[in-house]
Amino acid sequence: MINTIRYVGEGEVEKDGKKEIIQIHPAIILKDNGAFIQVSITHPRIIQEKLKSRGENVPAITVNALIDTGASGCVITSKVADKLNLLHTGYQTVSSVQDEQLRPVFFGFIIFPWGSGKEIQLVSCPLKKFDCLIGRDILMHWYFTYNGKDGSIVICD
């Protein structure tokens, strides 16, 4: 499936003492924010089935996820893991440009805007602007194009 995402946005400027809302070019939005998509995160299918069999709702959370070609795996914040009460599966050493840390690992299911999804290991790390990073463990299944000039990305899943 081919999915094209073109970024749109507005900004506020002051002109002649009055504030005006202007459209920001998609290339600027992509440059300033990076390539991101909205995803839903929930439990893996086996946990979903158990919850449903007990008559319980399956919790899910929708967040913006940065597509990060520098990340080997997917990352979520502890806020996401705690809110969903995801299955904790252990710990993993995570390396960054600053240091190495032992971080908690969870198992979850990420659903993409076009409906497909992946059950995947999710490392919990603090993130500033996003609640999720999509790493190369997902990207390895995609054909991904970053079109900076046009302000769009294309994901073939």
C-alpha atoms as a PDB file:
ATOM      1  CA  MET A   1       0.000   0.000   0.000  1.00  0.00           C
ATOM      2  CA  ILE A   2       1.356   3.453  -0.961  1.00  0.00           C
ATOM      3  CA  ASN A   3       0.806   6.188   1.622  1.00  0.00           C
ATOM      4  CA  THR A   4       1.772   9.789   0.875  1.00  0.00           C
ATOM      5  CA  ILE A   5       1.836  12.255   3.747  1.00  0.00           C
ATOM      6  CA  ARG A   6       2.160  15.951   2.928  1.00  0.00           C
ATOM      7  CA  TYR A   7       2.661  18.181   5.923  1.00  0.00           C
ATOM      8  CA  VAL A   8       0.521  21.294   6.398  1.00  0.00           C
ATOM      9  CA  GLY A   9       0.511  23.978   9.032  1.00  0.00           C
ATOM     10  CA  GLU A  10      -0.020  27.567   9.975  1.00  0.00           C
ATOM     11  CA  GLY A  11       2.006  30.190  11.788  1.00  0.00           C
ATOM     12  CA  GLU A  12       1.345  33.546  13.360  1.00  0.00           C
ATOM     13  CA  VAL A  13       3.146  36.691  12.188  1.00  0.00           C
ATOM     14  CA  GLU A  14       2.804  40.324  13.126  1.00  0.00           C
ATOM     15  CA  LYS A  15       2.325  42.797  10.292  1.00  0.00           C
ATOM     16  CA  ASP A  16       1.607  46.506  10.800  1.00  0.00           C
ATOM     17  CA  GLY A  17       0.855  45.856  14.475  1.00  0.00           C
ATOM     18  CA  LYS A  18      -1.713  43.134  13.672  1.00  0.00           C
ATOM     19  CA  LYS A  19      -1.312  39.423  14.079  1.00  0.00           C
ATOM     20  CA  GLU A  20      -2.000  37.341  10.986  1.00  0.00           C
ATOM     21  CA  ILE A  21      -2.222  33.608  10.434  1.00  0.00           C
ATOM     22  CA  ILE A  22      -0.213  32.436   7.439  1.00  0.00           C
ATOM     23  CA  GLN A  23       0.264  29.065   5.776  1.00  0.00           C
ATOM     24  CA  ILE A  24       3.699  27.539   6.300  1.00  0.00           C
ATOM     25  CA  HIS A  25       5.250  25.732   3.335  1.00  0.00           C
ATOM     26  CA  PRO A  26       5.198  21.922   3.821  1.00  0.00           C
ATOM     27  CA  ALA A  27       8.982  21.713   3.290  1.00  0.00           C
ATOM     28  CA  ILE A  28       9.538  23.980   6.311  1.00  0.00           C
ATOM     29  CA  ILE A  29       7.224  21.882   8.500  1.00  0.00           C
ATOM     30  CA  LEU A  30       9.022  18.688   7.470  1.00  0.00           C
ATOM     31  CA  LYS A  31      12.444  20.283   8.070  1.00  0.00           C
ATOM     32  CA  ASP A  32      11.500  21.721  11.460  1.00  0.00           C
ATOM     33  CA  ASN A  33       9.591  18.706  12.834  1.00  0.00           C
ATOM     34  CA  GLY A  34      11.032  15.718  10.990  1.00  0.00           C
ATOM     35  CA  ALA A  35       9.055  12.962   9.315  1.00  0.00           C
ATOM     36  CA  PHE A  36       6.277  11.884  11.641  1.00  0.00           C
ATOM     37  CA  ILE A  37       3.012   9.984  11.491  1.00  0.00           C
ATOM     38  CA  GLN A  38       0.169   9.409  13.891  1.00  0.00           C
ATOM     39  CA  VAL A  39       0.056   5.850  15.247  1.00  0.00           C
ATOM     40  CA  SER A  40      -2.037   3.912  17.734  1.00  0.00           C
ATOM     41  CA  ILE A  41      -0.273   1.783  20.309  1.00  0.00           C
ATOM     42  CA  THR A  42      -1.957  -1.098  22.085  1.00  0.00           C
ATOM     43  CA  HIS A  43      -1.306  -4.585  23.423  1.00  0.00           C
ATOM     44  CA  PRO A  44      -0.141  -7.522  21.308  1.00  0.00           C
ATOM     45  CA  ARG A  45      -2.914  -9.691  19.874  1.00  0.00           C
ATOM     46  CA  ILE A  46      -2.668 -12.442  22.504  1.00  0.00           C
ATOM     47  CA  ILE A  47      -3.221  -9.900  25.319  1.00  0.00           C
ATOM     48  CA  GLN A  48      -6.042  -8.276  23.341  1.00  0.00           C
ATOM     49  CA  GLU A  49      -7.770 -11.682  23.078  1.00  0.00           C
ATOM     50  CA  LYS A  50      -7.419 -12.295  26.840  1.00  0.00           C
ATOM     51  CA  LEU A  51      -8.844  -8.876  27.677  1.00  0.00           C
ATOM     52  CA  LYS A  52     -11.764  -9.351  25.285  1.00  0.00           C
ATOM     53  CA  SER A  53     -12.509 -12.854  26.633  1.00  0.00           C
ATOM     54  CA  ARG A  54     -12.846 -11.333  30.124  1.00  0.00           C
ATOM     55  CA  GLY A  55     -15.185  -8.658  28.751  1.00  0.00           C
ATOM     56  CA  GLU A  56     -12.619  -5.901  29.219  1.00  0.00           C
ATOM     57  CA  ASN A  57     -11.851  -3.097  26.804  1.00  0.00           C
ATOM     58  CA  VAL A  58      -8.524  -3.146  24.979  1.00  0.00           C
ATOM     59  CA  PRO A  59      -6.763   0.137  25.790  1.00  0.00           C
ATOM     60  CA  ALA A  60      -5.043   2.047  22.998  1.00  0.00           C
ATOM     61  CA  ILE A  61      -3.369   5.417  22.787  1.00  0.00           C
ATOM     62  CA  THR A  62      -2.860   7.562  19.663  1.00  0.00           C
ATOM     63  CA  VAL A  63       0.379   9.530  19.483  1.00  0.00           C
ATOM     64  CA  ASN A  64       2.634  11.268  16.985  1.00  0.00           C
ATOM     65  CA  ALA A  65       5.611   9.074  16.115  1.00  0.00           C
ATOM     66  CA  LEU A  66       8.859  10.406  14.687  1.00  0.00           C
ATOM     67  CA  ILE A  67      10.329   8.264  11.910  1.00  0.00           C
ATOM     68  CA  ASP A  68      13.942   7.958  13.044  1.00  0.00           C
ATOM     69  CA  THR A  69      16.363   6.287  10.631  1.00  0.00           C
ATOM     70  CA  GLY A  70      19.053   6.566  13.315  1.00  0.00           C
ATOM     71  CA  ALA A  71      17.129   4.427  15.809  1.00  0.00           C
ATOM     72  CA  SER A  72      17.631   0.678  15.520  1.00  0.00           C
ATOM     73  CA  GLY A  73      14.317  -0.037  17.253  1.00  0.00           C
ATOM     74  CA  CYS A  74      11.032   1.521  18.260  1.00  0.00           C
ATOM     75  CA  VAL A  75      10.843   3.658  21.388  1.00  0.00           C
ATOM     76  CA  ILE A  76       7.935   4.805  23.544  1.00  0.00           C
ATOM     77  CA  THR A  77       7.819   7.041  26.588  1.00  0.00           C
ATOM     78  CA  SER A  78       7.151   5.623  30.049  1.00  0.00           C
ATOM     79  CA  LYS A  79       3.892   7.602  29.979  1.00  0.00           C
ATOM     80  CA  VAL A  80       2.631   5.424  27.100  1.00  0.00           C
ATOM     81  CA  ALA A  81       3.812   2.174  28.713  1.00  0.00           C
ATOM     82  CA  ASP A  82       2.229   3.105  32.060  1.00  0.00           C
ATOM     83  CA  LYS A  83      -1.073   4.311  30.600  1.00  0.00           C
ATOM     84  CA  LEU A  84      -1.518   1.062  28.650  1.00  0.00           C
ATOM     85  CA  ASN A  85       0.016  -1.192  31.317  1.00  0.00           C
ATOM     86  CA  LEU A  86       2.019  -2.920  28.580  1.00  0.00           C
ATOM     87  CA  LEU A  87       3.661  -6.289  29.133  1.00  0.00           C
ATOM     88  CA  HIS A  88       7.149  -5.676  30.568  1.00  0.00           C
ATOM     89  CA  THR A  89       9.572  -8.196  29.035  1.00  0.00           C
ATOM     90  CA  GLY A  90      12.959  -7.140  30.397  1.00  0.00           C
ATOM     91  CA  TYR A  91      15.690  -4.571  29.928  1.00  0.00           C
ATOM     92  CA  GLN A  92      17.950  -3.503  27.083  1.00  0.00           C
ATOM     93  CA  THR A  93      21.067  -1.360  26.911  1.00  0.00           C
ATOM     94  CA  VAL A  94      20.354   1.690  24.768  1.00  0.00           C
ATOM     95  CA  SER A  95      23.191   3.735  23.267  1.00  0.00           C
ATOM     96  CA  SER A  96      22.898   7.409  22.379  1.00  0.00           C
ATOM     97  CA  VAL A  97      25.421  10.066  21.440  1.00  0.00           C
ATOM     98  CA  GLN A  98      25.629  10.939  25.140  1.00  0.00           C
ATOM     99  CA  ASP A  99      25.761   7.605  26.969  1.00  0.00           C
ATOM    100  CA  GLU A 100      24.486   4.074  27.430  1.00  0.00           C
ATOM    101  CA  GLN A 101      21.588   3.232  29.714  1.00  0.00           C
ATOM    102  CA  LEU A 102      19.694   0.123  30.715  1.00  0.00           C
ATOM    103  CA  ARG A 103      16.058   0.777  29.750  1.00  0.00           C
ATOM    104  CA  PRO A 104      12.803  -1.180  30.257  1.00  0.00           C
ATOM    105  CA  VAL A 105      11.432  -3.135  27.302  1.00  0.00           C
ATOM    106  CA  PHE A 106       7.755  -3.836  26.600  1.00  0.00           C
ATOM    107  CA  PHE A 107       5.880  -5.813  23.968  1.00  0.00           C
ATOM    108  CA  GLY A 108       3.163  -3.994  22.074  1.00  0.00           C
ATOM    109  CA  PHE A 109       1.318  -3.486  18.808  1.00  0.00           C
ATOM    110  CA  ILE A 110       1.719  -0.346  16.667  1.00  0.00           C
ATOM    111  CA  ILE A 111      -1.107   0.434  14.216  1.00  0.00           C
ATOM    112  CA  PHE A 112      -0.347   2.770  11.321  1.00  0.00           C
ATOM    113  CA  PRO A 113      -2.779   5.347   9.879  1.00  0.00           C
ATOM    114  CA  TRP A 114      -3.518   3.150   6.842  1.00  0.00           C
ATOM    115  CA  GLY A 115      -4.643   0.212   9.024  1.00  0.00           C
ATOM    116  CA  SER A 116      -1.735  -2.240   9.030  1.00  0.00           C
ATOM    117  CA  GLY A 117       0.326  -2.779  12.138  1.00  0.00           C
ATOM    118  CA  LYS A 118       3.210  -4.638  13.718  1.00  0.00           C
ATOM    119  CA  GLU A 119       3.662  -6.474  16.998  1.00  0.00           C
ATOM    120  CA  ILE A 120       7.011  -5.268  18.216  1.00  0.00           C
ATOM    121  CA  GLN A 121       9.408  -4.764  21.086  1.00  0.00           C
ATOM    122  CA  LEU A 122       9.185  -1.220  22.471  1.00  0.00           C
ATOM    123  CA  VAL A 123      11.999   0.288  24.518  1.00  0.00           C
ATOM    124  CA  SER A 124      10.960   2.936  27.028  1.00  0.00           C
ATOM    125  CA  CYS A 125      13.083   6.107  26.951  1.00  0.00           C
ATOM    126  CA  PRO A 126      12.421   9.775  27.659  1.00  0.00           C
ATOM    127  CA  LEU A 127      11.540  11.731  24.512  1.00  0.00           C
ATOM    128  CA  LYS A 128      11.035  15.488  24.244  1.00  0.00           C
ATOM    129  CA  LYS A 129       8.692  16.233  21.368  1.00  0.00           C
ATOM    130  CA  PHE A 130       7.137  12.850  20.597  1.00  0.00           C
ATOM    131  CA  ASP A 131       5.787   9.857  22.527  1.00  0.00           C
ATOM    132  CA  CYS A 132       7.079   7.302  20.020  1.00  0.00           C
ATOM    133  CA  LEU A 133       9.975   6.772  17.610  1.00  0.00           C
ATOM    134  CA  ILE A 134       9.646   4.442  14.649  1.00  0.00           C
ATOM    135  CA  GLY A 135      13.022   2.777  14.195  1.00  0.00           C
ATOM    136  CA  ARG A 136      14.690   0.572  11.619  1.00  0.00           C
ATOM    137  CA  ASP A 137      12.941  -2.523  13.007  1.00  0.00           C
ATOM    138  CA  ILE A 138       9.793  -1.147  11.306  1.00  0.00           C
ATOM    139  CA  LEU A 139      11.548   0.687   8.468  1.00  0.00           C
ATOM    140  CA  MET A 140      13.070  -2.592   7.273  1.00  0.00           C
ATOM    141  CA  HIS A 141       9.547  -3.563   6.129  1.00  0.00           C
ATOM    142  CA  TRP A 142       8.904  -0.285   4.279  1.00  0.00           C
ATOM    143  CA  TYR A 143       9.996   1.523   1.186  1.00  0.00           C
ATOM    144  CA  PHE A 144      10.370   5.043   2.627  1.00  0.00           C
ATOM    145  CA  THR A 145      10.927   8.276   0.679  1.00  0.00           C
ATOM    146  CA  TYR A 146      11.663  11.648   2.277  1.00  0.00           C
ATOM    147  CA  ASN A 147      10.874  14.442  -0.196  1.00  0.00           C
ATOM    148  CA  GLY A 148      12.240  17.561   1.466  1.00  0.00           C
ATOM    149  CA  LYS A 149      11.613  19.817  -1.522  1.00  0.00           C
ATOM    150  CA  ASP A 150       7.919  18.896  -1.653  1.00  0.00           C
ATOM    151  CA  GLY A 151       7.453  18.619   2.144  1.00  0.00           C
ATOM    152  CA  SER A 152       6.138  15.066   1.990  1.00  0.00           C
ATOM    153  CA  ILE A 153       7.014  11.481   2.741  1.00  0.00           C
ATOM    154  CA  VAL A 154       5.934   8.292   1.002  1.00  0.00           C
ATOM    155  CA  ILE A 155       5.640   4.991   2.845  1.00  0.00           C
ATOM    156  CA  CYS A 156       5.011   1.763   0.936  1.00  0.00           C
ATOM    157  CA  ASP A 157       4.023  -0.878   3.476  1.00  0.00           C
END
